[in-house]
């Protein structure tokens, strides 16, 4: 199996439409359009898993740059997230919180307070 990244999707594209489109190139194992957590609306990209490397290569050749819904698709092999699934996000979250607390303390100290007041007034 080979997972493909499909970018630059029109906002109205559904998972069923994407599956039907790629099915012409081979057996589609899975389709997922990524949506915004808060609004539920498409973020304009998704993933299609093809049954074989050959079918995935055919799909890339067929659809990369092809205009669908007024937009030129970007289709290539999906890359794994760095740090594994979610690893980058959870590490980033801890760093952000720590940095925010520390940064908040620093902004209120001494000479940098003047800069803070200028930025927020």
PDB file of N, CA and C in Angstrom:
ATOM      1  N   UNK A   1       0.838  -1.183   0.000  1.00  0.00           N
ATOM      2  CA  UNK A   1       0.000   0.000   0.000  1.00  0.00           C
ATOM      3  C   UNK A   1       0.880   1.243   0.000  1.00  0.00           C
ATOM      4  N   UNK A   2       0.361   2.294  -0.613  1.00  0.00           N
ATOM      5  CA  UNK A   2       1.097   3.552  -0.696  1.00  0.00           C
ATOM      6  C   UNK A   2       0.126   4.694  -0.436  1.00  0.00           C
ATOM      7  N   UNK A   3       0.483   5.539   0.534  1.00  0.00           N
ATOM      8  CA  UNK A   3      -0.347   6.691   0.875  1.00  0.00           C
ATOM      9  C   UNK A   3       0.106   7.891   0.067  1.00  0.00           C
ATOM     10  N   UNK A   4      -0.873   8.587  -0.515  1.00  0.00           N
ATOM     11  CA  UNK A   4      -0.614   9.773  -1.319  1.00  0.00           C
ATOM     12  C   UNK A   4      -1.178  11.009  -0.630  1.00  0.00           C
ATOM     13  N   UNK A   5      -0.443  12.100  -0.741  1.00  0.00           N
ATOM     14  CA  UNK A   5      -0.919  13.405  -0.301  1.00  0.00           C
ATOM     15  C   UNK A   5      -1.607  14.051  -1.495  1.00  0.00           C
ATOM     16  N   UNK A   6      -2.798  14.597  -1.274  1.00  0.00           N
ATOM     17  CA  UNK A   6      -3.526  15.300  -2.334  1.00  0.00           C
ATOM     18  C   UNK A   6      -3.819  16.699  -1.818  1.00  0.00           C
ATOM     19  N   UNK A   7      -3.153  17.680  -2.411  1.00  0.00           N
ATOM     20  CA  UNK A   7      -3.298  19.058  -1.970  1.00  0.00           C
ATOM     21  C   UNK A   7      -3.985  19.931  -2.990  1.00  0.00           C
ATOM     22  N   UNK A   8      -4.360  21.118  -2.547  1.00  0.00           N
ATOM     23  CA  UNK A   8      -5.017  22.134  -3.365  1.00  0.00           C
ATOM     24  C   UNK A   8      -6.407  21.682  -3.813  1.00  0.00           C
ATOM     25  N   UNK A   9      -7.085  20.927  -2.933  1.00  0.00           N
ATOM     26  CA  UNK A   9      -8.453  20.495  -3.221  1.00  0.00           C
ATOM     27  C   UNK A   9      -9.403  21.679  -3.126  1.00  0.00           C
ATOM     28  N   UNK A  10     -10.439  21.673  -3.954  1.00  0.00           N
ATOM     29  CA  UNK A  10     -11.471  22.695  -3.797  1.00  0.00           C
ATOM     30  C   UNK A  10     -12.206  22.405  -2.493  1.00  0.00           C
ATOM     31  N   UNK A  11     -12.722  23.450  -1.864  1.00  0.00           N
ATOM     32  CA  UNK A  11     -13.318  23.329  -0.534  1.00  0.00           C
ATOM     33  C   UNK A  11     -14.507  22.381  -0.515  1.00  0.00           C
ATOM     34  N   UNK A  12     -15.193  22.229  -1.638  1.00  0.00           N
ATOM     35  CA  UNK A  12     -16.388  21.395  -1.684  1.00  0.00           C
ATOM     36  C   UNK A  12     -16.140  19.927  -2.003  1.00  0.00           C
ATOM     37  N   UNK A  13     -14.899  19.540  -2.229  1.00  0.00           N
ATOM     38  CA  UNK A  13     -14.590  18.145  -2.580  1.00  0.00           C
ATOM     39  C   UNK A  13     -14.904  17.229  -1.401  1.00  0.00           C
ATOM     40  N   UNK A  14     -15.619  16.121  -1.690  1.00  0.00           N
ATOM     41  CA  UNK A  14     -15.950  15.154  -0.637  1.00  0.00           C
ATOM     42  C   UNK A  14     -15.024  13.943  -0.734  1.00  0.00           C
ATOM     43  N   UNK A  15     -14.979  13.162   0.333  1.00  0.00           N
ATOM     44  CA  UNK A  15     -14.167  11.948   0.339  1.00  0.00           C
ATOM     45  C   UNK A  15     -14.664  10.967  -0.718  1.00  0.00           C
ATOM     46  N   UNK A  16     -15.989  10.869  -0.911  1.00  0.00           N
ATOM     47  CA  UNK A  16     -16.535   9.975  -1.940  1.00  0.00           C
ATOM     48  C   UNK A  16     -16.098  10.401  -3.336  1.00  0.00           C
ATOM     49  N   UNK A  17     -16.102  11.704  -3.598  1.00  0.00           N
ATOM     50  CA  UNK A  17     -15.655  12.204  -4.907  1.00  0.00           C
ATOM     51  C   UNK A  17     -14.180  11.880  -5.134  1.00  0.00           C
ATOM     52  N   UNK A  18     -13.382  12.073  -4.102  1.00  0.00           N
ATOM     53  CA  UNK A  18     -11.953  11.796  -4.211  1.00  0.00           C
ATOM     54  C   UNK A  18     -11.713  10.308  -4.451  1.00  0.00           C
ATOM     55  N   UNK A  19     -12.448   9.467  -3.740  1.00  0.00           N
ATOM     56  CA  UNK A  19     -12.317   8.016  -3.916  1.00  0.00           C
ATOM     57  C   UNK A  19     -12.704   7.611  -5.339  1.00  0.00           C
ATOM     58  N   UNK A  20     -13.810   8.130  -5.831  1.00  0.00           N
ATOM     59  CA  UNK A  20     -14.252   7.804  -7.192  1.00  0.00           C
ATOM     60  C   UNK A  20     -13.225   8.243  -8.230  1.00  0.00           C
ATOM     61  N   UNK A  21     -12.644   9.405  -8.012  1.00  0.00           N
ATOM     62  CA  UNK A  21     -11.659   9.937  -8.955  1.00  0.00           C
ATOM     63  C   UNK A  21     -10.426   9.022  -9.017  1.00  0.00           C
ATOM     64  N   UNK A  22      -9.909   8.617  -7.866  1.00  0.00           N
ATOM     65  CA  UNK A  22      -8.691   7.818  -7.814  1.00  0.00           C
ATOM     66  C   UNK A  22      -8.946   6.346  -8.159  1.00  0.00           C
ATOM     67  N   UNK A  23     -10.178   5.893  -8.025  1.00  0.00           N
ATOM     68  CA  UNK A  23     -10.505   4.490  -8.313  1.00  0.00           C
ATOM     69  C   UNK A  23     -10.226   4.136  -9.768  1.00  0.00           C
ATOM     70  N   UNK A  24     -10.227   5.110 -10.647  1.00  0.00           N
ATOM     71  CA  UNK A  24      -9.904   4.864 -12.049  1.00  0.00           C
ATOM     72  C   UNK A  24      -8.449   4.457 -12.262  1.00  0.00           C
ATOM     73  N   UNK A  25      -7.595   4.678 -11.254  1.00  0.00           N
ATOM     74  CA  UNK A  25      -6.173   4.344 -11.357  1.00  0.00           C
ATOM     75  C   UNK A  25      -5.819   3.064 -10.618  1.00  0.00           C
ATOM     76  N   UNK A  26      -6.787   2.496  -9.885  1.00  0.00           N
ATOM     77  CA  UNK A  26      -6.524   1.266  -9.148  1.00  0.00           C
ATOM     78  C   UNK A  26      -7.409   1.158  -7.927  1.00  0.00           C
ATOM     79  N   UNK A  27      -7.057   0.241  -7.072  1.00  0.00           N
ATOM     80  CA  UNK A  27      -7.847  -0.035  -5.877  1.00  0.00           C
ATOM     81  C   UNK A  27      -7.523   0.972  -4.768  1.00  0.00           C
ATOM     82  N   UNK A  28      -8.546   1.698  -4.324  1.00  0.00           N
ATOM     83  CA  UNK A  28      -8.388   2.696  -3.269  1.00  0.00           C
ATOM     84  C   UNK A  28      -8.699   2.039  -1.926  1.00  0.00           C
ATOM     85  N   UNK A  29      -7.724   2.031  -1.034  1.00  0.00           N
ATOM     86  CA  UNK A  29      -7.889   1.403   0.276  1.00  0.00           C
ATOM     87  C   UNK A  29      -8.521   2.349   1.292  1.00  0.00           C
ATOM     88  N   UNK A  30      -8.171   3.652   1.224  1.00  0.00           N
ATOM     89  CA  UNK A  30      -8.655   4.603   2.211  1.00  0.00           C
ATOM     90  C   UNK A  30      -8.577   6.018   1.650  1.00  0.00           C
ATOM     91  N   UNK A  31      -9.503   6.872   2.080  1.00  0.00           N
ATOM     92  CA  UNK A  31      -9.510   8.283   1.693  1.00  0.00           C
ATOM     93  C   UNK A  31      -9.834   9.101   2.933  1.00  0.00           C
ATOM     94  N   UNK A  32      -9.083  10.178   3.137  1.00  0.00           N
ATOM     95  CA  UNK A  32      -9.342  11.064   4.272  1.00  0.00           C
ATOM     96  C   UNK A  32      -9.063  12.501   3.865  1.00  0.00           C
ATOM     97  N   UNK A  33     -10.106  13.336   3.912  1.00  0.00           N
ATOM     98  CA  UNK A  33      -9.924  14.775   3.714  1.00  0.00           C
ATOM     99  C   UNK A  33      -9.784  15.392   5.102  1.00  0.00           C
ATOM    100  N   UNK A  34      -8.758  16.193   5.283  1.00  0.00           N
ATOM    101  CA  UNK A  34      -8.472  16.796   6.578  1.00  0.00           C
ATOM    102  C   UNK A  34      -9.362  18.024   6.769  1.00  0.00           C
ATOM    103  N   UNK A  35     -10.004  18.081   7.936  1.00  0.00           N
ATOM    104  CA  UNK A  35     -10.919  19.174   8.229  1.00  0.00           C
ATOM    105  C   UNK A  35     -10.444  19.963   9.443  1.00  0.00           C
ATOM    106  N   UNK A  36     -10.902  21.189   9.524  1.00  0.00           N
ATOM    107  CA  UNK A  36     -10.612  22.044  10.663  1.00  0.00           C
ATOM    108  C   UNK A  36     -11.380  21.519  11.875  1.00  0.00           C
ATOM    109  N   UNK A  37     -10.717  21.401  13.008  1.00  0.00           N
ATOM    110  CA  UNK A  37     -11.360  20.856  14.213  1.00  0.00           C
ATOM    111  C   UNK A  37     -12.529  21.704  14.688  1.00  0.00           C
ATOM    112  N   UNK A  38     -12.409  23.004  14.574  1.00  0.00           N
ATOM    113  CA  UNK A  38     -13.448  23.893  15.101  1.00  0.00           C
ATOM    114  C   UNK A  38     -14.625  24.044  14.154  1.00  0.00           C
ATOM    115  N   UNK A  39     -14.365  24.216  12.865  1.00  0.00           N
ATOM    116  CA  UNK A  39     -15.444  24.487  11.915  1.00  0.00           C
ATOM    117  C   UNK A  39     -15.933  23.244  11.187  1.00  0.00           C
ATOM    118  N   UNK A  40     -15.098  22.207  11.117  1.00  0.00           N
ATOM    119  CA  UNK A  40     -15.469  21.010  10.371  1.00  0.00           C
ATOM    120  C   UNK A  40     -15.309  21.164   8.866  1.00  0.00           C
ATOM    121  N   UNK A  41     -14.841  22.320   8.412  1.00  0.00           N
ATOM    122  CA  UNK A  41     -14.669  22.571   6.979  1.00  0.00           C
ATOM    123  C   UNK A  41     -13.338  22.011   6.499  1.00  0.00           C
ATOM    124  N   UNK A  42     -13.305  21.653   5.220  1.00  0.00           N
ATOM    125  CA  UNK A  42     -12.089  21.117   4.610  1.00  0.00           C
ATOM    126  C   UNK A  42     -10.944  22.113   4.732  1.00  0.00           C
ATOM    127  N   UNK A  43      -9.740  21.565   4.964  1.00  0.00           N
ATOM    128  CA  UNK A  43      -8.542  22.411   4.984  1.00  0.00           C
ATOM    129  C   UNK A  43      -7.869  22.433   3.615  1.00  0.00           C
ATOM    130  N   UNK A  44      -8.497  21.776   2.621  1.00  0.00           N
ATOM    131  CA  UNK A  44      -7.995  21.845   1.253  1.00  0.00           C
ATOM    132  C   UNK A  44      -6.974  20.781   0.897  1.00  0.00           C
ATOM    133  N   UNK A  45      -6.812  19.775   1.757  1.00  0.00           N
ATOM    134  CA  UNK A  45      -5.914  18.677   1.417  1.00  0.00           C
ATOM    135  C   UNK A  45      -6.398  17.398   2.085  1.00  0.00           C
ATOM    136  N   UNK A  46      -5.860  16.285   1.597  1.00  0.00           N
ATOM    137  CA  UNK A  46      -6.239  14.996   2.162  1.00  0.00           C
ATOM    138  C   UNK A  46      -5.254  13.923   1.756  1.00  0.00           C
ATOM    139  N   UNK A  47      -5.629  12.678   2.046  1.00  0.00           N
ATOM    140  CA  UNK A  47      -4.767  11.538   1.771  1.00  0.00           C
ATOM    141  C   UNK A  47      -5.580  10.426   1.112  1.00  0.00           C
ATOM    142  N   UNK A  48      -4.969   9.783   0.145  1.00  0.00           N
ATOM    143  CA  UNK A  48      -5.568   8.635  -0.531  1.00  0.00           C
ATOM    144  C   UNK A  48      -4.566   7.495  -0.449  1.00  0.00           C
ATOM    145  N   UNK A  49      -5.011   6.344   0.043  1.00  0.00           N
ATOM    146  CA  UNK A  49      -4.140   5.181   0.126  1.00  0.00           C
ATOM    147  C   UNK A  49      -4.503   4.220  -0.994  1.00  0.00           C
ATOM    148  N   UNK A  50      -3.538   3.965  -1.875  1.00  0.00           N
ATOM    149  CA  UNK A  50      -3.722   3.043  -2.996  1.00  0.00           C
ATOM    150  C   UNK A  50      -3.194   1.663  -2.598  1.00  0.00           C
ATOM    151  N   UNK A  51      -3.734   0.627  -3.239  1.00  0.00           N
ATOM    152  CA  UNK A  51      -3.394  -0.750  -2.871  1.00  0.00           C
ATOM    153  C   UNK A  51      -1.947  -1.120  -3.205  1.00  0.00           C
ATOM    154  N   UNK A  52      -1.370  -0.510  -4.247  1.00  0.00           N
ATOM    155  CA  UNK A  52      -0.007  -0.881  -4.630  1.00  0.00           C
ATOM    156  C   UNK A  52       0.804   0.349  -5.022  1.00  0.00           C
ATOM    157  N   UNK A  53       2.108   0.169  -5.034  1.00  0.00           N
ATOM    158  CA  UNK A  53       3.009   1.252  -5.450  1.00  0.00           C
ATOM    159  C   UNK A  53       2.766   1.624  -6.911  1.00  0.00           C
ATOM    160  N   UNK A  54       2.508   0.622  -7.757  1.00  0.00           N
ATOM    161  CA  UNK A  54       2.269   0.889  -9.185  1.00  0.00           C
ATOM    162  C   UNK A  54       1.012   1.729  -9.391  1.00  0.00           C
ATOM    163  N   UNK A  55      -0.049   1.391  -8.655  1.00  0.00           N
ATOM    164  CA  UNK A  55      -1.295   2.158  -8.767  1.00  0.00           C
ATOM    165  C   UNK A  55      -1.094   3.585  -8.250  1.00  0.00           C
ATOM    166  N   UNK A  56      -0.325   3.713  -7.200  1.00  0.00           N
ATOM    167  CA  UNK A  56      -0.034   5.040  -6.652  1.00  0.00           C
ATOM    168  C   UNK A  56       0.749   5.869  -7.674  1.00  0.00           C
ATOM    169  N   UNK A  57       1.725   5.254  -8.325  1.00  0.00           N
ATOM    170  CA  UNK A  57       2.517   5.962  -9.336  1.00  0.00           C
ATOM    171  C   UNK A  57       1.632   6.409 -10.499  1.00  0.00           C
ATOM    172  N   UNK A  58       0.707   5.560 -10.910  1.00  0.00           N
ATOM    173  CA  UNK A  58      -0.233   5.923 -11.992  1.00  0.00           C
ATOM    174  C   UNK A  58      -1.107   7.099 -11.565  1.00  0.00           C
ATOM    175  N   UNK A  59      -1.561   7.085 -10.323  1.00  0.00           N
ATOM    176  CA  UNK A  59      -2.412   8.162  -9.832  1.00  0.00           C
ATOM    177  C   UNK A  59      -1.644   9.484  -9.777  1.00  0.00           C
ATOM    178  N   UNK A  60      -0.392   9.444  -9.342  1.00  0.00           N
ATOM    179  CA  UNK A  60       0.421  10.651  -9.308  1.00  0.00           C
ATOM    180  C   UNK A  60       0.575  11.216 -10.716  1.00  0.00           C
ATOM    181  N   UNK A  61       0.908  10.343 -11.659  1.00  0.00           N
ATOM    182  CA  UNK A  61       1.080  10.771 -13.053  1.00  0.00           C
ATOM    183  C   UNK A  61      -0.209  11.364 -13.617  1.00  0.00           C
ATOM    184  N   UNK A  62      -1.330  10.742 -13.290  1.00  0.00           N
ATOM    185  CA  UNK A  62      -2.624  11.180 -13.823  1.00  0.00           C
ATOM    186  C   UNK A  62      -3.111  12.487 -13.206  1.00  0.00           C
ATOM    187  N   UNK A  63      -2.941  12.661 -11.902  1.00  0.00           N
ATOM    188  CA  UNK A  63      -3.612  13.760 -11.224  1.00  0.00           C
ATOM    189  C   UNK A  63      -2.739  14.933 -10.790  1.00  0.00           C
ATOM    190  N   UNK A  64      -1.422  14.758 -10.681  1.00  0.00           N
ATOM    191  CA  UNK A  64      -0.585  15.887 -10.265  1.00  0.00           C
ATOM    192  C   UNK A  64      -0.649  16.980 -11.334  1.00  0.00           C
ATOM    193  N   UNK A  65      -1.097  18.167 -10.931  1.00  0.00           N
ATOM    194  CA  UNK A  65      -1.220  19.298 -11.855  1.00  0.00           C
ATOM    195  C   UNK A  65      -2.540  19.352 -12.599  1.00  0.00           C
ATOM    196  N   UNK A  66      -3.362  18.311 -12.470  1.00  0.00           N
ATOM    197  CA  UNK A  66      -4.650  18.285 -13.166  1.00  0.00           C
ATOM    198  C   UNK A  66      -5.624  19.235 -12.484  1.00  0.00           C
ATOM    199  N   UNK A  67      -6.361  19.999 -13.290  1.00  0.00           N
ATOM    200  CA  UNK A  67      -7.320  20.938 -12.737  1.00  0.00           C
ATOM    201  C   UNK A  67      -8.617  20.213 -12.398  1.00  0.00           C
ATOM    202  N   UNK A  68      -9.014  20.323 -11.135  1.00  0.00           N
ATOM    203  CA  UNK A  68     -10.262  19.734 -10.651  1.00  0.00           C
ATOM    204  C   UNK A  68     -10.951  20.781  -9.791  1.00  0.00           C
ATOM    205  N   UNK A  69     -12.176  21.102 -10.142  1.00  0.00           N
ATOM    206  CA  UNK A  69     -12.909  22.113  -9.370  1.00  0.00           C
ATOM    207  C   UNK A  69     -12.274  23.486  -9.443  1.00  0.00           C
ATOM    208  N   UNK A  70     -11.608  23.780 -10.559  1.00  0.00           N
ATOM    209  CA  UNK A  70     -10.978  25.085 -10.733  1.00  0.00           C
ATOM    210  C   UNK A  70      -9.621  25.228 -10.057  1.00  0.00           C
ATOM    211  N   UNK A  71      -9.072  24.116  -9.539  1.00  0.00           N
ATOM    212  CA  UNK A  71      -7.778  24.183  -8.858  1.00  0.00           C
ATOM    213  C   UNK A  71      -6.874  23.076  -9.376  1.00  0.00           C
ATOM    214  N   UNK A  72      -5.583  23.382  -9.527  1.00  0.00           N
ATOM    215  CA  UNK A  72      -4.603  22.386  -9.985  1.00  0.00           C
ATOM    216  C   UNK A  72      -4.161  21.551  -8.786  1.00  0.00           C
ATOM    217  N   UNK A  73      -4.447  20.249  -8.835  1.00  0.00           N
ATOM    218  CA  UNK A  73      -4.109  19.364  -7.726  1.00  0.00           C
ATOM    219  C   UNK A  73      -2.608  19.185  -7.564  1.00  0.00           C
ATOM    220  N   UNK A  74      -2.191  18.971  -6.330  1.00  0.00           N
ATOM    221  CA  UNK A  74      -0.820  18.580  -6.013  1.00  0.00           C
ATOM    222  C   UNK A  74      -0.922  17.159  -5.467  1.00  0.00           C
ATOM    223  N   UNK A  75      -0.315  16.214  -6.157  1.00  0.00           N
ATOM    224  CA  UNK A  75      -0.388  14.817  -5.723  1.00  0.00           C
ATOM    225  C   UNK A  75       1.023  14.254  -5.672  1.00  0.00           C
ATOM    226  N   UNK A  76       1.418  13.735  -4.512  1.00  0.00           N
ATOM    227  CA  UNK A  76       2.711  13.082  -4.365  1.00  0.00           C
ATOM    228  C   UNK A  76       2.662  12.097  -3.209  1.00  0.00           C
ATOM    229  N   UNK A  77       3.741  11.366  -3.016  1.00  0.00           N
ATOM    230  CA  UNK A  77       3.796  10.414  -1.918  1.00  0.00           C
ATOM    231  C   UNK A  77       3.719  11.167  -0.595  1.00  0.00           C
ATOM    232  N   UNK A  78       2.898  10.641   0.302  1.00  0.00           N
ATOM    233  CA  UNK A  78       2.784  11.254   1.632  1.00  0.00           C
ATOM    234  C   UNK A  78       4.051  10.968   2.416  1.00  0.00           C
ATOM    235  N   UNK A  79       4.467  11.931   3.212  1.00  0.00           N
ATOM    236  CA  UNK A  79       5.629  11.753   4.083  1.00  0.00           C
ATOM    237  C   UNK A  79       5.134  11.609   5.508  1.00  0.00           C
ATOM    238  N   UNK A  80       5.827  10.795   6.277  1.00  0.00           N
ATOM    239  CA  UNK A  80       5.479  10.628   7.687  1.00  0.00           C
ATOM    240  C   UNK A  80       5.763  11.923   8.417  1.00  0.00           C
ATOM    241  N   UNK A  81       4.942  12.204   9.417  1.00  0.00           N
ATOM    242  CA  UNK A  81       5.215  13.361  10.266  1.00  0.00           C
ATOM    243  C   UNK A  81       6.527  13.155  10.976  1.00  0.00           C
ATOM    244  N   UNK A  82       7.277  14.224  11.152  1.00  0.00           N
ATOM    245  CA  UNK A  82       8.531  14.108  11.889  1.00  0.00           C
ATOM    246  C   UNK A  82       8.215  13.876  13.350  1.00  0.00           C
ATOM    247  N   UNK A  83       8.927  12.951  13.969  1.00  0.00           N
ATOM    248  CA  UNK A  83       8.699  12.641  15.366  1.00  0.00           C
ATOM    249  C   UNK A  83       7.552  11.678  15.579  1.00  0.00           C
ATOM    250  N   UNK A  84       7.021  11.090  14.515  1.00  0.00           N
ATOM    251  CA  UNK A  84       5.926  10.137  14.648  1.00  0.00           C
ATOM    252  C   UNK A  84       4.589  10.843  14.732  1.00  0.00           C
ATOM    253  N   UNK A  85       3.536  10.059  14.839  1.00  0.00           N
ATOM    254  CA  UNK A  85       2.178  10.606  14.855  1.00  0.00           C
ATOM    255  C   UNK A  85       1.959  11.463  16.092  1.00  0.00           C
ATOM    256  N   UNK A  86       1.792  12.745  15.875  1.00  0.00           N
ATOM    257  CA  UNK A  86       1.496  13.658  16.971  1.00  0.00           C
ATOM    258  C   UNK A  86       2.691  14.022  17.834  1.00  0.00           C
ATOM    259  N   UNK A  87       3.836  13.382  17.649  1.00  0.00           N
ATOM    260  CA  UNK A  87       4.990  13.645  18.494  1.00  0.00           C
ATOM    261  C   UNK A  87       5.441  15.086  18.419  1.00  0.00           C
ATOM    262  N   UNK A  88       5.429  15.641  17.225  1.00  0.00           N
ATOM    263  CA  UNK A  88       5.840  17.028  17.070  1.00  0.00           C
ATOM    264  C   UNK A  88       4.883  17.988  17.741  1.00  0.00           C
ATOM    265  N   UNK A  89       3.604  17.692  17.679  1.00  0.00           N
ATOM    266  CA  UNK A  89       2.611  18.583  18.269  1.00  0.00           C
ATOM    267  C   UNK A  89       2.708  18.594  19.784  1.00  0.00           C
ATOM    268  N   UNK A  90       2.794  17.425  20.398  1.00  0.00           N
ATOM    269  CA  UNK A  90       2.819  17.419  21.855  1.00  0.00           C
ATOM    270  C   UNK A  90       4.099  18.061  22.377  1.00  0.00           C
ATOM    271  N   UNK A  91       5.219  17.821  21.719  1.00  0.00           N
ATOM    272  CA  UNK A  91       6.462  18.473  22.122  1.00  0.00           C
ATOM    273  C   UNK A  91       6.375  19.965  21.921  1.00  0.00           C
ATOM    274  N   UNK A  92       5.779  20.386  20.820  1.00  0.00           N
ATOM    275  CA  UNK A  92       5.624  21.807  20.554  1.00  0.00           C
ATOM    276  C   UNK A  92       4.721  22.463  21.575  1.00  0.00           C
ATOM    277  N   UNK A  93       3.675  21.751  21.989  1.00  0.00           N
ATOM    278  CA  UNK A  93       2.751  22.301  22.976  1.00  0.00           C
ATOM    279  C   UNK A  93       3.452  22.579  24.293  1.00  0.00           C
ATOM    280  N   UNK A  94       4.270  21.637  24.737  1.00  0.00           N
ATOM    281  CA  UNK A  94       4.993  21.832  25.989  1.00  0.00           C
ATOM    282  C   UNK A  94       5.948  22.999  25.888  1.00  0.00           C
ATOM    283  N   UNK A  95       6.642  23.096  24.753  1.00  0.00           N
ATOM    284  CA  UNK A  95       7.577  24.196  24.551  1.00  0.00           C
ATOM    285  C   UNK A  95       6.862  25.536  24.511  1.00  0.00           C
ATOM    286  N   UNK A  96       5.705  25.570  23.885  1.00  0.00           N
ATOM    287  CA  UNK A  96       4.952  26.807  23.775  1.00  0.00           C
ATOM    288  C   UNK A  96       4.498  27.268  25.155  1.00  0.00           C
ATOM    289  N   UNK A  97       3.943  26.341  25.929  1.00  0.00           N
ATOM    290  CA  UNK A  97       3.450  26.718  27.250  1.00  0.00           C
ATOM    291  C   UNK A  97       4.594  27.198  28.130  1.00  0.00           C
ATOM    292  N   UNK A  98       5.695  26.453  28.118  1.00  0.00           N
ATOM    293  CA  UNK A  98       6.839  26.871  28.916  1.00  0.00           C
ATOM    294  C   UNK A  98       7.363  28.218  28.448  1.00  0.00           C
ATOM    295  N   UNK A  99       7.479  28.381  27.132  1.00  0.00           N
ATOM    296  CA  UNK A  99       7.964  29.634  26.583  1.00  0.00           C
ATOM    297  C   UNK A  99       7.030  30.789  26.873  1.00  0.00           C
ATOM    298  N   UNK A 100       5.740  30.528  26.829  1.00  0.00           N
ATOM    299  CA  UNK A 100       4.757  31.576  27.071  1.00  0.00           C
ATOM    300  C   UNK A 100       4.853  32.076  28.517  1.00  0.00           C
ATOM    301  N   UNK A 101       4.909  31.124  29.450  1.00  0.00           N
ATOM    302  CA  UNK A 101       4.994  31.517  30.865  1.00  0.00           C
ATOM    303  C   UNK A 101       6.264  32.302  31.128  1.00  0.00           C
ATOM    304  N   UNK A 102       7.366  31.787  30.607  1.00  0.00           N
ATOM    305  CA  UNK A 102       8.632  32.451  30.829  1.00  0.00           C
ATOM    306  C   UNK A 102       8.642  33.808  30.133  1.00  0.00           C
ATOM    307  N   UNK A 103       8.143  33.832  28.891  1.00  0.00           N
ATOM    308  CA  UNK A 103       8.113  35.087  28.147  1.00  0.00           C
ATOM    309  C   UNK A 103       7.239  36.120  28.825  1.00  0.00           C
ATOM    310  N   UNK A 104       6.104  35.656  29.371  1.00  0.00           N
ATOM    311  CA  UNK A 104       5.207  36.576  30.065  1.00  0.00           C
ATOM    312  C   UNK A 104       5.904  37.241  31.235  1.00  0.00           C
ATOM    313  N   UNK A 105       6.690  36.450  31.962  1.00  0.00           N
ATOM    314  CA  UNK A 105       7.425  37.009  33.102  1.00  0.00           C
ATOM    315  C   UNK A 105       8.451  38.024  32.638  1.00  0.00           C
ATOM    316  N   UNK A 106       9.121  37.711  31.533  1.00  0.00           N
ATOM    317  CA  UNK A 106      10.167  38.610  31.049  1.00  0.00           C
ATOM    318  C   UNK A 106       9.605  39.929  30.530  1.00  0.00           C
ATOM    319  N   UNK A 107       8.441  39.897  29.914  1.00  0.00           N
ATOM    320  CA  UNK A 107       7.864  41.127  29.372  1.00  0.00           C
ATOM    321  C   UNK A 107       7.517  42.112  30.476  1.00  0.00           C
ATOM    322  N   UNK A 108       7.223  41.593  31.638  1.00  0.00           N
ATOM    323  CA  UNK A 108       6.820  42.466  32.743  1.00  0.00           C
ATOM    324  C   UNK A 108       7.992  42.944  33.577  1.00  0.00           C
ATOM    325  N   UNK A 109       9.188  42.560  33.202  1.00  0.00           N
ATOM    326  CA  UNK A 109      10.364  42.936  33.992  1.00  0.00           C
ATOM    327  C   UNK A 109      11.041  44.166  33.411  1.00  0.00           C
ATOM    328  N   UNK A 110      11.413  45.082  34.260  1.00  0.00           N
ATOM    329  CA  UNK A 110      12.313  46.189  33.961  1.00  0.00           C
ATOM    330  C   UNK A 110      12.081  46.920  32.664  1.00  0.00           C
ATOM    331  N   UNK A 111      13.190  47.098  31.903  1.00  0.00           N
ATOM    332  CA  UNK A 111      13.187  47.916  30.706  1.00  0.00           C
ATOM    333  C   UNK A 111      12.295  47.402  29.595  1.00  0.00           C
ATOM    334  N   UNK A 112      12.012  46.100  29.540  1.00  0.00           N
ATOM    335  CA  UNK A 112      11.196  45.615  28.436  1.00  0.00           C
ATOM    336  C   UNK A 112       9.725  45.947  28.630  1.00  0.00           C
ATOM    337  N   UNK A 113       9.372  46.462  29.808  1.00  0.00           N
ATOM    338  CA  UNK A 113       7.968  46.818  30.034  1.00  0.00           C
ATOM    339  C   UNK A 113       7.553  47.962  29.110  1.00  0.00           C
ATOM    340  N   UNK A 114       8.458  48.881  28.880  1.00  0.00           N
ATOM    341  CA  UNK A 114       8.127  49.989  27.989  1.00  0.00           C
ATOM    342  C   UNK A 114       7.766  49.493  26.604  1.00  0.00           C
ATOM    343  N   UNK A 115       8.499  48.493  26.110  1.00  0.00           N
ATOM    344  CA  UNK A 115       8.178  47.928  24.799  1.00  0.00           C
ATOM    345  C   UNK A 115       6.814  47.279  24.799  1.00  0.00           C
ATOM    346  N   UNK A 116       6.485  46.633  25.886  1.00  0.00           N
ATOM    347  CA  UNK A 116       5.185  45.974  25.982  1.00  0.00           C
ATOM    348  C   UNK A 116       4.067  47.006  25.921  1.00  0.00           C
ATOM    349  N   UNK A 117       4.227  48.096  26.666  1.00  0.00           N
ATOM    350  CA  UNK A 117       3.179  49.121  26.674  1.00  0.00           C
ATOM    351  C   UNK A 117       3.009  49.738  25.299  1.00  0.00           C
ATOM    352  N   UNK A 118       4.088  49.982  24.599  1.00  0.00           N
ATOM    353  CA  UNK A 118       3.985  50.555  23.251  1.00  0.00           C
ATOM    354  C   UNK A 118       3.248  49.629  22.317  1.00  0.00           C
ATOM    355  N   UNK A 119       3.485  48.309  22.442  1.00  0.00           N
ATOM    356  CA  UNK A 119       2.861  47.357  21.525  1.00  0.00           C
ATOM    357  C   UNK A 119       1.380  47.151  21.795  1.00  0.00           C
ATOM    358  N   UNK A 120       0.938  47.368  23.013  1.00  0.00           N
ATOM    359  CA  UNK A 120      -0.444  47.051  23.340  1.00  0.00           C
ATOM    360  C   UNK A 120      -1.330  48.270  23.507  1.00  0.00           C
ATOM    361  N   UNK A 121      -0.781  49.490  23.411  1.00  0.00           N
ATOM    362  CA  UNK A 121      -1.609  50.699  23.575  1.00  0.00           C
ATOM    363  C   UNK A 121      -2.078  51.202  22.248  1.00  0.00           C
TER     364      UNK A 121
END
